Protein backbone atom coordinates (compact mmCIF):
# COMPACT_ATOMS: atom_id res chain seq x y z
CA MET A 1 0.00 0.00 0.00
CA TYR A 2 1.19 3.47 -0.90
CA LYS A 3 -0.02 6.95 0.08
CA PHE A 4 0.10 10.21 -1.86
CA ASN A 5 -0.62 13.68 -0.47
CA GLY A 6 -1.59 16.66 -2.56
CA THR A 7 -4.29 18.92 -3.88
CA VAL A 8 -7.19 17.72 -6.02
CA TYR A 9 -6.69 19.02 -9.55
CA GLU A 10 -9.61 17.24 -11.24
CA VAL A 11 -12.37 14.77 -10.34
CA GLY A 12 -13.52 12.76 -13.34
CA GLN A 13 -17.03 11.59 -14.08
CA THR A 14 -17.82 7.95 -13.38
CA GLU A 15 -17.52 5.92 -16.56
CA VAL A 16 -19.69 2.80 -16.73
CA ILE A 17 -17.76 0.19 -18.71
CA SER A 18 -20.16 -2.72 -18.16
CA GLU A 19 -22.89 -3.84 -15.79
CA LYS A 20 -20.23 -5.03 -13.34
CA PHE A 21 -17.45 -2.46 -13.88
CA SER A 22 -17.23 1.32 -13.57
CA LYS A 23 -14.36 3.70 -12.92
CA SER A 24 -13.53 7.31 -12.09
CA LEU A 25 -10.24 9.15 -12.32
CA LEU A 26 -8.90 11.53 -9.71
CA VAL A 27 -6.00 13.81 -10.63
CA VAL A 28 -3.95 15.13 -7.70
CA SER A 29 -1.12 17.68 -7.78
CA ASP A 30 1.85 17.06 -5.50
CA ASP A 31 2.11 20.82 -4.71
CA ASP A 32 5.76 21.11 -5.77
CA GLU A 33 6.26 24.85 -6.35
CA ASN A 34 8.77 24.52 -9.20
CA TYR A 35 7.68 21.39 -11.06
CA PRO A 36 4.25 20.19 -9.90
CA GLN A 37 3.34 16.66 -10.92
CA LEU A 38 -0.22 15.71 -11.83
CA VAL A 39 -0.85 12.12 -10.75
CA SER A 40 -3.90 10.17 -11.93
CA PHE A 41 -5.56 7.62 -9.65
CA GLU A 42 -8.26 5.15 -10.70
CA PHE A 43 -11.22 4.40 -8.40
CA VAL A 44 -13.33 1.40 -9.49
CA ASN A 45 -16.83 0.06 -8.81
CA ASP A 46 -18.09 0.95 -5.30
CA LYS A 47 -14.97 3.09 -4.65
CA THR A 48 -16.11 5.68 -7.23
CA ASP A 49 -18.59 7.04 -4.67
CA LEU A 50 -15.69 8.03 -2.41
CA LEU A 51 -14.97 10.92 -4.78
CA ASP A 52 -18.42 12.56 -4.46
CA PRO A 53 -17.52 15.08 -1.72
CA TYR A 54 -14.24 16.21 -3.32
CA ALA A 55 -13.58 19.10 -5.71
CA PRO A 56 -10.55 20.82 -7.21
CA GLY A 57 -8.53 22.60 -4.54
CA ASP A 58 -9.25 20.13 -1.72
CA THR A 59 -6.25 18.76 0.17
CA VAL A 60 -6.26 14.94 0.21
CA GLU A 61 -4.32 11.80 1.04
CA VAL A 62 -4.93 8.94 -1.39
CA SER A 63 -4.18 5.32 -0.46
CA PHE A 64 -3.49 3.14 -3.48
CA GLY A 65 -1.91 0.01 -4.86
CA LEU A 66 0.29 -0.24 -7.93
CA ARG A 67 -0.97 -2.53 -10.68
CA GLY A 68 0.74 -3.39 -13.95
CA ARG A 69 0.06 -5.45 -17.01
CA GLU A 70 1.58 -6.50 -20.31
CA TRP A 71 -0.15 -5.99 -23.65
CA THR A 72 0.90 -7.25 -27.07
CA ASN A 73 -0.23 -5.37 -30.15
CA PRO A 74 -1.90 -8.03 -32.33
CA LYS A 75 -0.83 -6.26 -35.56
CA THR A 76 2.85 -5.64 -34.79
CA ASN A 77 3.57 -8.03 -31.91
CA GLU A 78 5.06 -5.04 -30.07
CA VAL A 79 4.91 -5.60 -26.30
CA ARG A 80 3.89 -2.66 -24.10
CA TYR A 81 3.56 -2.34 -20.34
CA PHE A 82 0.94 -0.29 -18.50
CA ASN A 83 0.72 0.80 -14.88
CA THR A 84 -2.35 1.85 -12.93
CA LEU A 85 -2.49 3.55 -9.55
CA SER A 86 -5.54 1.75 -8.16
CA ALA A 87 -6.95 3.85 -5.30
CA PHE A 88 -9.12 2.42 -2.56
CA LYS A 89 -9.22 5.19 0.07
CA ILE A 90 -9.25 8.99 0.13
CA GLU A 91 -9.07 11.24 3.15
CA GLY A 92 -8.97 14.99 3.37
CA GLU A 93 -10.82 18.20 3.80
CA ALA A 94 -13.57 17.99 1.21
CA GLY A 95 -15.25 21.22 0.27
CA THR A 96 -12.58 23.50 1.71
CA THR A 97 -11.76 25.13 -1.63
CA PRO A 98 -14.66 25.17 -4.10
CA ALA A 99 -12.70 27.08 -6.79
CA GLN A 100 -12.33 25.29 -10.11
CA HIS A 101 -8.96 25.14 -11.86
CA ALA A 102 -8.96 27.30 -14.97
CA VAL A 103 -6.49 26.48 -17.73
CA THR A 104 -4.65 29.56 -18.96
CA GLU A 105 -3.18 29.98 -22.43
CA ASP A 106 0.31 29.42 -20.98
CA GLU A 107 -0.68 26.08 -19.44
CA ASP A 108 -2.46 24.58 -22.43
CA ASP A 109 0.54 23.74 -24.60
CA GLY A 110 -1.10 20.64 -26.08
CA VAL A 111 1.50 18.29 -24.62
CA PRO A 112 -0.08 15.42 -22.62
CA PHE A 113 2.87 15.18 -20.19
């Protein structure tokens, strides 16, 4: 089990994949002043409801496990590896900062990393 502390950057909508599987993403900033990192956590099934009270700006601690898997592209046989930060607990001060994060022109450079 791992823990990550930071500020909620974004709370995703719950995505229903099938009758038995749904997921929501939570993006948390580590609050580094010079080079902040935006870390994405996945909450699945009944854990998606844990995100309901949280909004951007809230300070949280996320408990999670690290999951990984291998995938082979059926067309090229190229092997790729994927990691998921699978969250199962969130604690913090929900509702303390209701302000939404606004993307400025300087921030939106089109680069996904």
